[in-house]
N, C-alpha and C. Protein backbone atom coordinates (compact mmCIF):
# COMPACT_ATOMS: atom_id res chain seq x y z
N MET A 1 -35.14 -17.10 5.65
CA MET A 1 -34.22 -18.05 6.24
C MET A 1 -33.80 -17.56 7.62
N GLU A 2 -33.91 -18.41 8.60
CA GLU A 2 -33.60 -18.05 9.96
C GLU A 2 -32.22 -18.57 10.33
N LEU A 3 -31.40 -17.73 10.95
CA LEU A 3 -30.07 -18.13 11.37
C LEU A 3 -30.12 -18.78 12.74
N SER A 4 -29.35 -19.81 12.92
CA SER A 4 -29.30 -20.47 14.22
C SER A 4 -28.39 -19.67 15.16
N LYS A 5 -28.45 -19.99 16.43
CA LYS A 5 -27.61 -19.31 17.42
C LYS A 5 -26.14 -19.58 17.17
N LYS A 6 -25.81 -20.70 16.53
CA LYS A 6 -24.40 -21.04 16.27
C LYS A 6 -23.87 -20.31 15.05
N THR A 7 -24.69 -20.05 14.05
CA THR A 7 -24.20 -19.40 12.83
C THR A 7 -24.21 -17.89 12.91
N THR A 8 -25.00 -17.30 13.77
CA THR A 8 -25.07 -15.84 13.88
C THR A 8 -23.71 -15.21 14.19
N PRO A 9 -22.94 -15.71 15.19
CA PRO A 9 -21.62 -15.11 15.44
C PRO A 9 -20.67 -15.26 14.23
N SER A 10 -20.75 -16.35 13.53
CA SER A 10 -19.89 -16.56 12.36
C SER A 10 -20.22 -15.57 11.25
N VAL A 11 -21.49 -15.34 11.01
CA VAL A 11 -21.92 -14.38 9.99
C VAL A 11 -21.48 -12.98 10.39
N ALA A 12 -21.64 -12.63 11.65
CA ALA A 12 -21.23 -11.30 12.13
C ALA A 12 -19.72 -11.11 11.97
N LEU A 13 -18.94 -12.13 12.30
CA LEU A 13 -17.48 -12.06 12.15
C LEU A 13 -17.09 -11.89 10.69
N MET A 14 -17.72 -12.63 9.79
CA MET A 14 -17.41 -12.52 8.36
C MET A 14 -17.77 -11.13 7.85
N ALA A 15 -18.89 -10.57 8.27
CA ALA A 15 -19.29 -9.22 7.85
C ALA A 15 -18.29 -8.19 8.37
N PHE A 16 -17.83 -8.35 9.60
CA PHE A 16 -16.84 -7.43 10.17
C PHE A 16 -15.53 -7.50 9.39
N CYS A 17 -15.05 -8.70 9.08
CA CYS A 17 -13.81 -8.87 8.31
C CYS A 17 -13.94 -8.27 6.92
N LEU A 18 -15.08 -8.44 6.28
CA LEU A 18 -15.31 -7.86 4.97
C LEU A 18 -15.27 -6.34 5.04
N ALA A 19 -15.87 -5.77 6.06
CA ALA A 19 -15.87 -4.31 6.22
C ALA A 19 -14.46 -3.78 6.43
N LEU A 20 -13.60 -4.52 7.13
CA LEU A 20 -12.22 -4.09 7.35
C LEU A 20 -11.42 -4.09 6.06
N SER A 21 -11.78 -4.91 5.09
CA SER A 21 -11.00 -5.01 3.86
C SER A 21 -11.33 -3.92 2.85
N LEU A 22 -12.40 -3.13 3.08
CA LEU A 22 -12.78 -2.08 2.15
C LEU A 22 -11.94 -0.83 2.39
N PRO A 23 -11.56 -0.12 1.31
CA PRO A 23 -10.81 1.13 1.49
C PRO A 23 -11.65 2.14 2.25
N MET A 24 -10.99 2.96 3.06
CA MET A 24 -11.69 3.95 3.84
C MET A 24 -11.17 5.34 3.48
N VAL A 25 -12.05 6.33 3.53
CA VAL A 25 -11.63 7.72 3.40
C VAL A 25 -11.57 8.29 4.80
N VAL A 26 -10.44 8.92 5.12
CA VAL A 26 -10.21 9.39 6.47
C VAL A 26 -10.01 10.90 6.44
N SER A 27 -10.63 11.58 7.36
CA SER A 27 -10.39 13.01 7.55
C SER A 27 -10.10 13.19 9.03
N ALA A 28 -8.99 13.80 9.32
CA ALA A 28 -8.61 13.90 10.72
C ALA A 28 -8.26 15.34 11.08
N ARG A 29 -8.50 15.68 12.34
CA ARG A 29 -8.07 16.99 12.81
C ARG A 29 -6.56 17.01 12.92
N GLU A 30 -6.00 15.91 13.44
CA GLU A 30 -4.56 15.74 13.51
C GLU A 30 -4.14 14.86 12.35
N VAL A 31 -3.10 15.23 11.67
CA VAL A 31 -2.65 14.46 10.52
C VAL A 31 -1.99 13.17 11.01
N ASP A 32 -2.36 12.05 10.40
CA ASP A 32 -1.74 10.75 10.67
C ASP A 32 -0.22 10.91 10.50
N SER A 33 0.56 10.31 11.39
CA SER A 33 2.02 10.48 11.33
C SER A 33 2.62 9.95 10.04
N SER A 34 2.05 8.88 9.50
CA SER A 34 2.55 8.35 8.22
C SER A 34 2.28 9.32 7.09
N ILE A 35 1.07 9.87 7.05
CA ILE A 35 0.71 10.85 6.03
C ILE A 35 1.60 12.08 6.18
N ALA A 36 1.82 12.52 7.41
CA ALA A 36 2.66 13.70 7.65
C ALA A 36 4.08 13.47 7.11
N ALA A 37 4.62 12.27 7.29
CA ALA A 37 5.97 11.96 6.79
C ALA A 37 6.01 12.04 5.27
N CYS A 38 4.98 11.52 4.61
CA CYS A 38 4.95 11.56 3.15
C CYS A 38 4.77 12.98 2.64
N LEU A 39 3.88 13.75 3.27
CA LEU A 39 3.67 15.14 2.85
C LEU A 39 4.97 15.93 2.99
N GLU A 40 5.71 15.67 4.05
CA GLU A 40 7.00 16.34 4.24
C GLU A 40 8.00 15.90 3.16
N ALA A 41 7.99 14.62 2.80
CA ALA A 41 8.90 14.14 1.76
C ALA A 41 8.59 14.78 0.41
N TRP A 42 7.31 14.98 0.11
CA TRP A 42 6.94 15.60 -1.17
C TRP A 42 7.23 17.09 -1.17
N GLY A 43 7.14 17.72 -0.01
CA GLY A 43 7.32 19.16 0.04
C GLY A 43 6.11 19.89 -0.52
N ASP A 44 6.07 20.10 -1.81
CA ASP A 44 4.97 20.80 -2.46
C ASP A 44 3.89 19.79 -2.84
N HIS A 45 2.70 19.94 -2.26
CA HIS A 45 1.59 19.03 -2.52
C HIS A 45 0.28 19.80 -2.47
N PRO A 46 -0.79 19.27 -3.05
CA PRO A 46 -2.07 19.99 -3.12
C PRO A 46 -3.05 19.69 -1.98
N PHE A 47 -2.61 19.17 -0.86
CA PHE A 47 -3.55 18.62 0.12
C PHE A 47 -3.83 19.47 1.35
N GLY A 48 -3.10 20.52 1.61
CA GLY A 48 -3.36 21.33 2.79
C GLY A 48 -2.85 20.70 4.06
N LYS A 49 -3.32 21.25 5.20
CA LYS A 49 -2.79 20.83 6.50
C LYS A 49 -3.47 19.60 7.10
N ALA A 50 -4.74 19.37 6.82
CA ALA A 50 -5.47 18.21 7.36
C ALA A 50 -6.16 17.49 6.20
N PRO A 51 -5.38 16.77 5.40
CA PRO A 51 -5.94 16.18 4.18
C PRO A 51 -6.82 14.96 4.42
N GLN A 52 -7.75 14.77 3.51
CA GLN A 52 -8.51 13.52 3.48
C GLN A 52 -7.67 12.53 2.67
N PHE A 53 -7.73 11.27 3.08
CA PHE A 53 -6.99 10.25 2.34
C PHE A 53 -7.71 8.92 2.42
N LYS A 54 -7.41 8.08 1.45
CA LYS A 54 -7.95 6.73 1.41
C LYS A 54 -6.87 5.79 1.91
N THR A 55 -7.26 4.73 2.58
CA THR A 55 -6.30 3.75 3.08
C THR A 55 -6.51 2.43 2.36
N LEU A 56 -5.44 1.88 1.79
CA LEU A 56 -5.51 0.55 1.18
C LEU A 56 -5.13 -0.49 2.22
N GLU A 57 -5.79 -1.61 2.16
CA GLU A 57 -5.57 -2.68 3.12
C GLU A 57 -4.17 -3.25 3.03
N THR A 58 -3.79 -3.95 4.07
CA THR A 58 -2.52 -4.66 4.11
C THR A 58 -2.58 -5.85 3.16
N SER A 59 -1.52 -6.05 2.42
CA SER A 59 -1.42 -7.20 1.52
C SER A 59 -0.46 -8.21 2.13
N VAL A 60 -0.94 -9.45 2.30
CA VAL A 60 -0.11 -10.51 2.86
C VAL A 60 -0.14 -11.69 1.90
N LYS A 61 1.04 -12.13 1.46
CA LYS A 61 1.14 -13.32 0.61
C LYS A 61 2.23 -14.23 1.16
N VAL A 62 1.88 -15.49 1.35
CA VAL A 62 2.83 -16.49 1.82
C VAL A 62 2.80 -17.64 0.84
N PHE A 63 3.95 -18.02 0.30
CA PHE A 63 4.06 -19.06 -0.71
C PHE A 63 3.15 -18.77 -1.92
N GLY A 64 2.99 -17.49 -2.24
CA GLY A 64 2.17 -17.10 -3.39
C GLY A 64 0.67 -17.09 -3.13
N ILE A 65 0.28 -17.40 -1.91
CA ILE A 65 -1.15 -17.43 -1.58
C ILE A 65 -1.49 -16.18 -0.78
N GLY A 66 -2.50 -15.47 -1.23
CA GLY A 66 -2.93 -14.26 -0.54
C GLY A 66 -3.50 -13.26 -1.51
N LYS A 67 -3.84 -12.11 -1.00
CA LYS A 67 -4.52 -11.09 -1.77
C LYS A 67 -3.53 -10.02 -2.24
N GLU A 68 -3.72 -9.54 -3.47
CA GLU A 68 -2.93 -8.43 -3.99
C GLU A 68 -3.57 -7.12 -3.57
N ALA A 69 -2.76 -6.07 -3.44
CA ALA A 69 -3.28 -4.74 -3.12
C ALA A 69 -3.09 -3.85 -4.33
N GLY A 70 -3.94 -2.87 -4.47
CA GLY A 70 -3.75 -1.94 -5.57
C GLY A 70 -4.80 -0.85 -5.59
N ASN A 71 -4.49 0.16 -6.38
CA ASN A 71 -5.38 1.29 -6.61
C ASN A 71 -5.29 1.59 -8.09
N THR A 72 -6.29 1.19 -8.84
CA THR A 72 -6.23 1.29 -10.30
C THR A 72 -7.23 2.26 -10.90
N GLU A 73 -8.12 2.82 -10.10
CA GLU A 73 -9.14 3.73 -10.60
C GLU A 73 -8.58 5.13 -10.75
N PRO A 74 -8.60 5.70 -11.98
CA PRO A 74 -8.14 7.07 -12.15
C PRO A 74 -9.13 8.06 -11.54
N THR A 75 -8.61 9.16 -11.03
CA THR A 75 -9.45 10.23 -10.48
C THR A 75 -9.18 11.51 -11.28
N SER A 76 -10.13 12.43 -11.23
CA SER A 76 -9.97 13.68 -11.97
C SER A 76 -9.17 14.72 -11.18
N SER A 77 -8.99 14.49 -9.89
CA SER A 77 -8.21 15.41 -9.06
C SER A 77 -7.22 14.60 -8.22
N PRO A 78 -6.25 15.26 -7.58
CA PRO A 78 -5.27 14.54 -6.77
C PRO A 78 -5.94 13.70 -5.69
N SER A 79 -5.44 12.49 -5.53
CA SER A 79 -5.99 11.54 -4.56
C SER A 79 -4.86 11.04 -3.67
N LEU A 80 -4.99 11.26 -2.37
CA LEU A 80 -3.98 10.84 -1.41
C LEU A 80 -4.35 9.46 -0.88
N VAL A 81 -3.40 8.51 -0.99
CA VAL A 81 -3.67 7.13 -0.62
C VAL A 81 -2.55 6.63 0.30
N LEU A 82 -2.93 6.17 1.49
CA LEU A 82 -1.99 5.55 2.42
C LEU A 82 -2.03 4.06 2.18
N ILE A 83 -0.88 3.48 1.90
CA ILE A 83 -0.80 2.05 1.62
C ILE A 83 -0.22 1.35 2.84
N ASN A 84 -1.06 0.54 3.46
CA ASN A 84 -0.61 -0.21 4.63
C ASN A 84 0.49 -1.19 4.23
N PRO A 85 1.23 -1.70 5.20
CA PRO A 85 2.36 -2.58 4.88
C PRO A 85 1.97 -3.77 4.01
N SER A 86 2.89 -4.13 3.14
CA SER A 86 2.75 -5.31 2.29
C SER A 86 3.79 -6.33 2.74
N PHE A 87 3.35 -7.57 2.96
CA PHE A 87 4.25 -8.63 3.40
C PHE A 87 4.23 -9.76 2.37
N ASN A 88 5.40 -10.19 1.96
CA ASN A 88 5.51 -11.27 0.98
C ASN A 88 6.60 -12.22 1.46
N VAL A 89 6.23 -13.48 1.67
CA VAL A 89 7.18 -14.49 2.12
C VAL A 89 7.20 -15.63 1.12
N MET A 90 8.34 -15.88 0.51
CA MET A 90 8.56 -16.99 -0.42
C MET A 90 7.51 -17.07 -1.52
N GLY A 91 7.34 -15.97 -2.22
CA GLY A 91 6.39 -15.95 -3.33
C GLY A 91 6.54 -14.68 -4.12
N GLY A 92 5.60 -14.41 -4.97
CA GLY A 92 5.60 -13.19 -5.76
C GLY A 92 4.38 -12.35 -5.44
N SER A 93 4.56 -11.03 -5.49
CA SER A 93 3.47 -10.13 -5.18
C SER A 93 3.60 -8.88 -6.05
N THR A 94 2.46 -8.34 -6.50
CA THR A 94 2.45 -7.11 -7.28
C THR A 94 1.48 -6.13 -6.64
N ILE A 95 1.94 -4.89 -6.46
CA ILE A 95 1.10 -3.82 -5.95
C ILE A 95 0.92 -2.84 -7.11
N GLU A 96 -0.32 -2.64 -7.56
CA GLU A 96 -0.59 -1.75 -8.69
C GLU A 96 -1.12 -0.42 -8.18
N LEU A 97 -0.41 0.65 -8.55
CA LEU A 97 -0.75 2.02 -8.17
C LEU A 97 -0.88 2.82 -9.46
N LEU A 98 -1.99 2.67 -10.16
CA LEU A 98 -2.11 3.13 -11.54
C LEU A 98 -2.94 4.40 -11.73
N ASN A 99 -3.28 5.10 -10.69
CA ASN A 99 -3.98 6.37 -10.83
C ASN A 99 -2.95 7.45 -11.16
N PRO A 100 -3.06 8.11 -12.33
CA PRO A 100 -2.09 9.15 -12.66
C PRO A 100 -2.15 10.35 -11.71
N ASN A 101 -3.28 10.53 -11.02
CA ASN A 101 -3.42 11.59 -10.03
C ASN A 101 -3.22 11.08 -8.61
N GLY A 102 -2.64 9.88 -8.49
CA GLY A 102 -2.42 9.28 -7.18
C GLY A 102 -1.17 9.81 -6.50
N TRP A 103 -1.32 10.11 -5.24
CA TRP A 103 -0.21 10.46 -4.37
C TRP A 103 -0.15 9.33 -3.34
N TYR A 104 0.78 8.41 -3.52
CA TYR A 104 0.82 7.17 -2.76
C TYR A 104 1.86 7.25 -1.65
N CYS A 105 1.39 7.03 -0.44
CA CYS A 105 2.23 7.04 0.76
C CYS A 105 2.37 5.60 1.23
N LEU A 106 3.55 5.03 1.07
CA LEU A 106 3.78 3.63 1.42
C LEU A 106 4.39 3.51 2.80
N ARG A 107 3.75 2.72 3.64
CA ARG A 107 4.31 2.49 4.97
C ARG A 107 5.57 1.65 4.83
N THR A 108 5.47 0.37 4.54
CA THR A 108 6.64 -0.48 4.36
C THR A 108 6.25 -1.68 3.52
N THR A 109 7.19 -2.12 2.68
CA THR A 109 7.01 -3.35 1.93
C THR A 109 8.06 -4.33 2.42
N VAL A 110 7.63 -5.50 2.87
CA VAL A 110 8.54 -6.50 3.40
C VAL A 110 8.54 -7.71 2.46
N SER A 111 9.72 -8.09 2.01
CA SER A 111 9.85 -9.27 1.14
C SER A 111 10.93 -10.18 1.71
N ILE A 112 10.53 -11.39 2.08
CA ILE A 112 11.47 -12.37 2.61
C ILE A 112 11.49 -13.56 1.67
N MET A 113 12.63 -13.78 1.04
CA MET A 113 12.81 -14.86 0.08
C MET A 113 11.70 -14.83 -0.98
N GLY A 114 11.39 -13.65 -1.46
CA GLY A 114 10.33 -13.50 -2.45
C GLY A 114 10.59 -12.31 -3.35
N ARG A 115 9.60 -11.98 -4.16
CA ARG A 115 9.70 -10.87 -5.11
C ARG A 115 8.47 -9.99 -4.97
N VAL A 116 8.69 -8.69 -4.85
CA VAL A 116 7.60 -7.72 -4.82
C VAL A 116 7.82 -6.76 -5.98
N SER A 117 6.79 -6.58 -6.80
CA SER A 117 6.82 -5.61 -7.88
C SER A 117 5.80 -4.53 -7.57
N ILE A 118 6.22 -3.29 -7.66
CA ILE A 118 5.32 -2.16 -7.50
C ILE A 118 5.16 -1.53 -8.87
N ARG A 119 3.94 -1.54 -9.42
CA ARG A 119 3.64 -0.92 -10.71
C ARG A 119 2.94 0.40 -10.42
N ALA A 120 3.61 1.51 -10.71
CA ALA A 120 3.05 2.83 -10.45
C ALA A 120 2.98 3.60 -11.75
N HIS A 121 1.87 4.30 -11.99
CA HIS A 121 1.72 5.14 -13.18
C HIS A 121 2.87 6.14 -13.21
N CYS A 122 3.33 6.48 -14.41
CA CYS A 122 4.49 7.36 -14.52
C CYS A 122 4.24 8.75 -13.95
N LYS A 123 2.98 9.17 -13.84
CA LYS A 123 2.67 10.49 -13.27
C LYS A 123 2.32 10.42 -11.79
N ALA A 124 2.22 9.22 -11.24
CA ALA A 124 1.86 9.07 -9.82
C ALA A 124 3.04 9.50 -8.94
N HIS A 125 2.72 9.96 -7.76
CA HIS A 125 3.73 10.39 -6.79
C HIS A 125 3.88 9.28 -5.75
N LEU A 126 5.12 8.93 -5.42
CA LEU A 126 5.40 7.91 -4.41
C LEU A 126 6.25 8.51 -3.30
N ALA A 127 5.93 8.17 -2.07
CA ALA A 127 6.77 8.55 -0.93
C ALA A 127 6.66 7.46 0.12
N SER A 128 7.62 7.48 1.02
CA SER A 128 7.68 6.46 2.05
C SER A 128 7.65 7.09 3.43
N THR A 129 7.23 6.30 4.40
CA THR A 129 7.18 6.79 5.78
C THR A 129 8.45 6.47 6.54
N SER A 130 9.33 5.60 5.97
CA SER A 130 10.53 5.20 6.71
C SER A 130 11.63 4.78 5.74
N ALA A 131 12.85 4.71 6.26
CA ALA A 131 13.98 4.24 5.47
C ALA A 131 13.92 2.72 5.37
N GLY A 132 14.52 2.17 4.34
CA GLY A 132 14.46 0.72 4.10
C GLY A 132 15.73 0.00 4.49
N THR A 133 15.67 -1.33 4.41
CA THR A 133 16.80 -2.19 4.75
C THR A 133 16.84 -3.34 3.76
N THR A 134 18.05 -3.74 3.34
CA THR A 134 18.22 -4.91 2.48
C THR A 134 19.25 -5.83 3.09
N VAL A 135 18.91 -7.12 3.23
CA VAL A 135 19.83 -8.12 3.74
C VAL A 135 19.87 -9.26 2.73
N LEU A 136 21.02 -9.50 2.10
CA LEU A 136 21.16 -10.55 1.10
C LEU A 136 20.07 -10.49 0.05
N GLY A 137 19.78 -9.31 -0.44
CA GLY A 137 18.71 -9.15 -1.43
C GLY A 137 19.08 -8.15 -2.49
N ASN A 138 18.11 -7.78 -3.31
CA ASN A 138 18.33 -6.85 -4.41
C ASN A 138 17.16 -5.90 -4.50
N ASN A 139 17.45 -4.61 -4.39
CA ASN A 139 16.43 -3.61 -4.60
C ASN A 139 16.65 -2.90 -5.92
N GLY A 140 17.54 -3.41 -6.74
CA GLY A 140 17.76 -2.87 -8.07
C GLY A 140 18.24 -1.45 -8.05
N GLU A 141 18.14 -0.81 -9.19
CA GLU A 141 18.57 0.57 -9.33
C GLU A 141 17.36 1.50 -9.34
N ASN A 142 16.26 1.08 -8.80
CA ASN A 142 15.04 1.89 -8.82
C ASN A 142 15.15 3.04 -7.83
N ARG A 143 15.06 4.24 -8.35
CA ARG A 143 15.17 5.44 -7.53
C ARG A 143 14.07 5.43 -6.46
N GLY A 144 14.47 5.55 -5.21
CA GLY A 144 13.53 5.65 -4.11
C GLY A 144 13.09 4.32 -3.53
N ILE A 145 13.35 3.21 -4.22
CA ILE A 145 12.86 1.92 -3.72
C ILE A 145 13.53 1.54 -2.41
N LYS A 146 14.77 1.93 -2.22
CA LYS A 146 15.47 1.60 -0.98
C LYS A 146 14.78 2.21 0.23
N ASP A 147 14.00 3.26 -0.01
CA ASP A 147 13.35 3.96 1.09
C ASP A 147 12.04 3.33 1.53
N ILE A 148 11.50 2.36 0.78
CA ILE A 148 10.18 1.85 1.14
C ILE A 148 10.15 0.36 1.37
N THR A 149 11.31 -0.27 1.49
CA THR A 149 11.30 -1.72 1.58
C THR A 149 12.19 -2.27 2.68
N VAL A 150 11.82 -3.47 3.13
CA VAL A 150 12.69 -4.30 3.95
C VAL A 150 12.79 -5.61 3.17
N THR A 151 13.99 -5.95 2.72
CA THR A 151 14.17 -7.12 1.87
C THR A 151 15.20 -8.05 2.48
N ALA A 152 14.87 -9.32 2.64
CA ALA A 152 15.80 -10.34 3.12
C ALA A 152 15.78 -11.49 2.14
N MET A 153 16.88 -11.70 1.43
CA MET A 153 17.01 -12.77 0.44
C MET A 153 15.87 -12.72 -0.57
N GLY A 154 15.57 -11.54 -1.10
CA GLY A 154 14.50 -11.37 -2.07
C GLY A 154 14.78 -10.18 -2.95
N SER A 155 13.77 -9.75 -3.68
CA SER A 155 13.94 -8.57 -4.53
C SER A 155 12.67 -7.73 -4.55
N VAL A 156 12.86 -6.45 -4.76
CA VAL A 156 11.77 -5.51 -4.88
C VAL A 156 12.08 -4.62 -6.07
N SER A 157 11.07 -4.40 -6.92
CA SER A 157 11.28 -3.53 -8.08
C SER A 157 10.10 -2.61 -8.27
N VAL A 158 10.34 -1.48 -8.95
CA VAL A 158 9.29 -0.53 -9.27
C VAL A 158 9.26 -0.35 -10.77
N GLU A 159 8.08 -0.54 -11.37
CA GLU A 159 7.86 -0.26 -12.78
C GLU A 159 6.98 0.97 -12.85
N ARG A 160 7.21 1.83 -13.86
CA ARG A 160 6.39 3.02 -14.02
C ARG A 160 5.88 3.11 -15.45
N PRO A 161 4.92 2.23 -15.85
CA PRO A 161 4.38 2.30 -17.21
C PRO A 161 3.41 3.45 -17.37
N CYS A 162 3.33 3.99 -18.56
CA CYS A 162 2.34 5.03 -18.86
C CYS A 162 1.27 4.42 -19.75
N ASN A 163 0.01 4.65 -19.40
CA ASN A 163 -1.10 4.12 -20.19
C ASN A 163 -1.60 5.18 -21.13
């Protein structure tokens, strides 16, 4: 099948977008500032000075339409995962972080007139890169949730089930 001159750029753009959505493993000489903030928050961690980490894509949901983000594959050794910002506007969103060996570094979760649930394995480690803010919303009594969210007229919760 031969592609026309008009469809070739569209196919290339779709392939590029698909490649951007795949998780990446990153190794850097200089530690990413977000990763550095999480490593400092944890204090004692198994990753050394220039850790490799996987990056999860940004999750965007508007009116309940959009893609969910998550990391559900268990690993046999500690796995460092940087979670790009999650945005939820007027809908519901769930982020699943179910690797018991997962060390999850969350940039920011933004919920505007919506609900965000973070499901993290009870043995997983969570840290944030910044302090959070709540305006006319509810972040519940979840320990640490105030540190990873921006909530305006919405709610954010963390569940920690053990499988």
